[in-house]
Protein backbone atom coordinates (compact mmCIF):
# COMPACT_ATOMS: atom_id res chain seq x y z
CA UNK A 1 78.60 -20.32 20.00
CA UNK A 2 75.91 -21.85 22.20
CA UNK A 3 72.71 -20.21 20.99
CA UNK A 4 70.93 -21.04 24.23
CA UNK A 5 67.81 -22.60 22.68
CA UNK A 6 68.37 -26.30 23.33
CA UNK A 7 65.12 -27.76 24.62
CA UNK A 8 62.98 -24.92 23.27
CA UNK A 9 59.96 -25.68 21.09
CA UNK A 10 59.48 -24.25 17.60
CA UNK A 11 56.85 -24.18 14.89
CA UNK A 12 58.16 -23.84 11.34
CA UNK A 13 55.66 -23.24 8.55
CA UNK A 14 56.29 -24.27 4.94
CA UNK A 15 58.84 -26.83 6.02
CA UNK A 16 58.55 -29.46 3.31
CA UNK A 17 61.30 -27.98 1.15
CA UNK A 18 63.49 -24.95 0.47
CA UNK A 19 63.93 -22.27 3.10
CA UNK A 20 61.42 -23.78 5.53
CA UNK A 21 63.14 -27.14 5.48
CA UNK A 22 66.57 -25.53 5.97
CA UNK A 23 65.28 -23.51 8.93
CA UNK A 24 63.72 -26.58 10.54
CA UNK A 25 66.99 -28.50 10.09
CA UNK A 26 68.97 -25.61 11.56
CA UNK A 27 66.78 -25.48 14.66
CA UNK A 28 66.92 -29.26 15.08
CA UNK A 29 70.71 -29.04 15.01
CA UNK A 30 70.52 -26.69 18.00
CA UNK A 31 68.48 -29.18 20.02
CA UNK A 32 65.12 -27.47 19.44
CA UNK A 33 61.97 -29.62 19.26
CA UNK A 34 60.44 -28.68 15.92
CA UNK A 35 56.87 -29.00 14.70
CA UNK A 36 57.31 -28.75 10.93
CA UNK A 37 54.21 -27.91 8.92
CA UNK A 38 53.38 -28.08 5.22
CA UNK A 39 50.59 -29.30 2.98
CA UNK A 40 52.86 -32.23 2.10
CA UNK A 41 53.75 -33.67 5.49
CA UNK A 42 55.05 -36.80 3.77
CA UNK A 43 57.89 -34.75 2.30
CA UNK A 44 58.85 -33.62 5.81
CA UNK A 45 58.77 -37.21 7.02
CA UNK A 46 61.06 -38.17 4.15
CA UNK A 47 63.79 -35.61 4.79
CA UNK A 48 63.30 -35.84 8.56
CA UNK A 49 63.46 -39.63 8.80
CA UNK A 50 65.37 -40.56 11.93
CA UNK A 51 65.64 -36.97 13.21
CA UNK A 52 65.08 -36.64 16.94
CA UNK A 53 62.70 -33.91 18.01
CA UNK A 54 60.84 -33.51 14.71
CA UNK A 55 57.07 -33.70 14.35
CA UNK A 56 55.55 -33.40 10.87
CA UNK A 57 52.06 -31.94 10.52
CA UNK A 58 49.95 -31.45 7.42
CA UNK A 59 48.16 -28.10 7.21
CA UNK A 60 47.39 -25.58 4.49
CA UNK A 61 47.93 -21.90 5.26
CA UNK A 62 44.97 -21.00 3.08
CA UNK A 63 42.65 -23.02 5.36
CA UNK A 64 41.87 -21.02 8.50
CA UNK A 65 40.16 -24.01 10.14
CA UNK A 66 43.37 -26.02 9.73
CA UNK A 67 45.41 -23.14 11.17
CA UNK A 68 43.13 -22.93 14.20
CA UNK A 69 43.34 -26.69 14.68
CA UNK A 70 47.13 -26.45 14.58
CA UNK A 71 47.11 -23.64 17.15
CA UNK A 72 44.71 -25.58 19.39
CA UNK A 73 46.99 -28.61 19.27
CA UNK A 74 50.08 -26.62 20.17
CA UNK A 75 48.42 -24.52 22.88
CA UNK A 76 47.08 -27.65 24.55
CA UNK A 77 50.72 -28.63 25.05
CA UNK A 78 51.82 -25.21 26.31
CA UNK A 79 52.45 -23.47 23.01
CA UNK A 80 55.81 -22.83 21.38
CA UNK A 81 58.79 -20.61 22.11
CA UNK A 82 59.78 -19.95 18.50
CA UNK A 83 57.45 -19.30 15.58
CA UNK A 84 58.80 -19.16 12.04
CA UNK A 85 56.21 -17.72 9.67
CA UNK A 86 56.99 -18.90 6.16
CA UNK A 87 54.50 -18.95 3.33
CA UNK A 88 54.96 -20.10 -0.23
CA UNK A 89 55.46 -17.49 -2.91
CA UNK A 90 52.47 -16.41 -5.01
CA UNK A 91 52.25 -16.71 -8.80
CA UNK A 92 54.24 -14.15 -10.78
CA UNK A 93 52.49 -11.38 -12.67
CA UNK A 94 52.33 -7.60 -13.16
CA UNK A 95 50.56 -5.19 -10.82
CA UNK A 96 48.58 -3.48 -13.57
CA UNK A 97 46.53 -6.51 -14.52
CA UNK A 98 46.38 -8.52 -11.29
CA UNK A 99 42.80 -9.42 -10.43
CA UNK A 100 41.19 -8.38 -7.16
CA UNK A 101 40.44 -12.03 -6.36
CA UNK A 102 44.13 -12.86 -6.64
CA UNK A 103 45.05 -10.11 -4.18
CA UNK A 104 42.43 -11.25 -1.67
CA UNK A 105 43.26 -14.94 -1.94
CA UNK A 106 47.00 -14.45 -1.60
CA UNK A 107 46.68 -11.87 1.19
CA UNK A 108 44.67 -14.33 3.24
CA UNK A 109 47.27 -17.07 2.83
CA UNK A 110 50.47 -15.00 3.01
CA UNK A 111 49.44 -12.40 5.57
CA UNK A 112 46.09 -12.59 7.37
CA UNK A 113 46.36 -16.24 8.38
CA UNK A 114 49.95 -15.80 9.55
CA UNK A 115 48.87 -12.78 11.61
CA UNK A 116 46.09 -14.88 13.12
CA UNK A 117 48.38 -17.80 13.94
CA UNK A 118 50.94 -15.47 15.54
CA UNK A 119 48.25 -13.84 17.66
CA UNK A 120 47.03 -17.18 18.92
CA UNK A 121 50.51 -18.41 19.86
CA UNK A 122 51.66 -15.16 21.48
CA UNK A 123 50.02 -15.38 24.95
CA UNK A 124 52.15 -18.25 26.34
CA UNK A 125 55.30 -16.53 25.06
CA UNK A 126 54.37 -13.31 26.85
CA UNK A 127 53.44 -15.15 30.01
CA UNK A 128 56.80 -16.94 30.08
CA UNK A 129 58.69 -13.74 29.26
CA UNK A 130 60.48 -15.32 26.28
CA UNK A 131 59.53 -15.79 22.66
CA UNK A 132 60.70 -15.40 19.09
CA UNK A 133 58.65 -14.67 15.98
CA UNK A 134 60.64 -14.67 12.76
CA UNK A 135 58.88 -14.11 9.45
CA UNK A 136 60.35 -14.96 6.06
CA UNK A 137 59.51 -12.25 3.53
CA UNK A 138 61.42 -11.17 0.40
CA UNK A 139 64.00 -8.64 -0.69
CA UNK A 140 61.16 -7.32 -2.87
CA UNK A 141 59.81 -5.35 0.10
CA UNK A 142 62.83 -3.04 -0.23
CA UNK A 143 63.54 -3.27 -3.93
CA UNK A 144 60.44 -4.49 -5.79
CA UNK A 145 61.11 -7.43 -8.09
CA UNK A 146 59.69 -7.11 -11.62
CA UNK A 147 56.67 -9.29 -12.37
CA UNK A 148 56.18 -10.27 -8.71
CA UNK A 149 53.46 -7.77 -7.84
CA UNK A 150 51.62 -10.01 -5.39
CA UNK A 151 54.76 -10.82 -3.45
CA UNK A 152 56.05 -7.24 -3.41
CA UNK A 153 52.76 -5.82 -2.20
CA UNK A 154 51.62 -8.41 0.30
CA UNK A 155 55.00 -8.98 1.92
CA UNK A 156 55.33 -5.22 2.43
CA UNK A 157 52.15 -5.41 4.52
CA UNK A 158 53.71 -8.24 6.52
CA UNK A 159 56.69 -6.00 7.21
CA UNK A 160 54.45 -3.27 8.64
CA UNK A 161 52.63 -5.78 10.83
CA UNK A 162 55.90 -7.23 12.15
CA UNK A 163 57.33 -3.82 13.06
CA UNK A 164 54.12 -2.84 14.84
CA UNK A 165 53.91 -6.09 16.79
CA UNK A 166 57.58 -5.92 17.79
CA UNK A 167 56.99 -2.67 19.69
CA UNK A 168 53.94 -4.10 21.43
CA UNK A 169 55.60 -7.23 22.85
CA UNK A 170 59.26 -6.25 23.35
CA UNK A 171 58.68 -5.52 27.02
CA UNK A 172 57.45 -9.08 27.50
CA UNK A 173 60.69 -10.62 26.24
CA UNK A 174 59.31 -11.50 22.81
CA UNK A 175 61.24 -10.43 19.72
CA UNK A 176 59.68 -10.05 16.29
CA UNK A 177 61.83 -9.84 13.16
CA UNK A 178 61.70 -10.32 9.41
CA UNK A 179 64.34 -11.95 7.24
CA UNK A 180 64.58 -11.00 3.58
CA UNK A 181 65.96 -13.67 1.26
CA UNK A 182 67.49 -12.65 -2.01
CA UNK A 183 68.11 -15.22 -4.68
CA UNK A 184 68.53 -18.40 -2.68
CA UNK A 185 68.96 -21.67 -4.60
CA UNK A 186 65.62 -23.38 -4.00
CA UNK A 187 62.92 -25.02 -6.08
CA UNK A 188 60.96 -21.76 -5.88
CA UNK A 189 63.87 -19.83 -7.43
CA UNK A 190 64.16 -22.40 -10.21
CA UNK A 191 60.45 -21.94 -10.93
CA UNK A 192 60.83 -18.15 -11.08
CA UNK A 193 63.87 -18.39 -13.35
CA UNK A 194 61.91 -20.66 -15.68
CA UNK A 195 58.95 -18.24 -15.68
CA UNK A 196 61.24 -15.29 -16.43
CA UNK A 197 62.87 -17.22 -19.26
CA UNK A 198 59.48 -18.02 -20.79
CA UNK A 199 58.33 -14.41 -20.43
CA UNK A 200 61.47 -12.94 -21.99
CA UNK A 201 62.08 -15.59 -24.62
CA UNK A 202 65.50 -16.33 -23.17
CA UNK A 203 66.97 -19.59 -21.98
CA UNK A 204 66.92 -20.45 -18.28
CA UNK A 205 70.72 -20.44 -18.35
CA UNK A 206 70.76 -16.89 -19.70
CA UNK A 207 68.33 -15.72 -17.03
CA UNK A 208 70.43 -17.31 -14.30
CA UNK A 209 73.63 -15.78 -15.66
CA UNK A 210 72.06 -12.31 -15.74
CA UNK A 211 70.72 -12.74 -12.20
CA UNK A 212 74.06 -13.83 -10.81
CA UNK A 213 75.79 -10.92 -12.55
CA UNK A 214 73.61 -8.54 -10.51
CA UNK A 215 74.61 -10.10 -7.19
CA UNK A 216 77.83 -8.70 -5.70
CA UNK A 217 78.60 -12.07 -4.07
CA UNK A 218 78.62 -13.56 -7.58
CA UNK A 219 76.38 -16.54 -6.87
CA UNK A 220 73.01 -17.66 -5.58
CA UNK A 221 72.75 -18.20 -1.84
CA UNK A 222 72.44 -21.58 -0.16
CA UNK A 223 69.36 -22.42 1.95
CA UNK A 224 71.52 -23.27 4.96
CA UNK A 225 73.11 -19.80 4.83
CA UNK A 226 69.68 -18.21 5.00
CA UNK A 227 68.58 -20.60 7.76
CA UNK A 228 71.59 -19.68 9.90
CA UNK A 229 70.38 -16.07 10.03
CA UNK A 230 66.90 -17.17 11.10
CA UNK A 231 68.27 -19.51 13.76
CA UNK A 232 70.40 -16.71 15.19
CA UNK A 233 67.37 -14.42 15.45
CA UNK A 234 65.64 -17.24 17.34
CA UNK A 235 68.52 -17.49 19.80
CA UNK A 236 68.99 -16.19 23.32
CA UNK A 237 71.92 -14.06 22.07
CA UNK A 238 69.56 -12.14 19.78
CA UNK A 239 67.37 -10.98 22.66
CA UNK A 240 68.08 -7.28 21.92
CA UNK A 241 67.33 -7.58 18.20
CA UNK A 242 63.69 -6.83 17.47
CA UNK A 243 61.62 -4.87 14.98
CA UNK A 244 64.29 -5.40 12.34
CA UNK A 245 64.49 -6.69 8.80
CA UNK A 246 67.64 -8.63 7.94
CA UNK A 247 68.77 -9.07 4.34
CA UNK A 248 70.35 -12.33 3.27
CA UNK A 249 70.92 -11.54 -0.39
CA UNK A 250 74.63 -11.48 -1.20
CA UNK A 251 74.51 -7.67 -1.36
CA UNK A 252 71.98 -7.59 -4.22
CA UNK A 253 69.63 -5.00 -2.70
CA UNK A 254 70.84 -1.54 -3.72
CA UNK A 255 69.03 0.46 -1.03
CA UNK A 256 71.09 1.72 1.93
């Protein structure tokens, strides 16, 4: 299928590894010019060596000045057609004892600054009558994940923002969607498995076995499988899909 996005321009946040990298690679494969952003731009340059259409930029989502500088740079060149909002996951921990400072710090990075960046990049999309905003969240917004209070709470706020924005800009040809990864085999998942093993006194292998047993597909997902869903939502064919949340979790979420 020709996704109809060859020659479009995209911004992918958190693109040094994991889901962000897979999304950037998926868009590049469709002929999209990708600005890939992460704190570690050198990591992007390493995996992207020799890739046509890739620009690596160093920026930290927690630094609003850096986010504004990024937006200024892109807008000076006409903006982007596709924005992939992807923030790193916060530290694990329970809701009952999470400090106020942790909530505020993580909300700024995972939500407020992404909202701000999206707002800045929206006008050219609306003027052209075509745009895609896809935000990576977590299956925890539908079925809260134990010991991930910050992620469950903050990403739920992102979901509400996305749904609200989708209704506001649909008439301008801009779609806004959220994709919910389940247990996708990334460095982040390995870190969480290790943290769960330490918390429970189990081995990492036992934690992984128990996790896989709860997934109907019987395995962890692959980053490229998740990226394919994001790339489709960024496509011309997905022009009537907006205000949605799409699970990519092997059937693990039990909610209807």
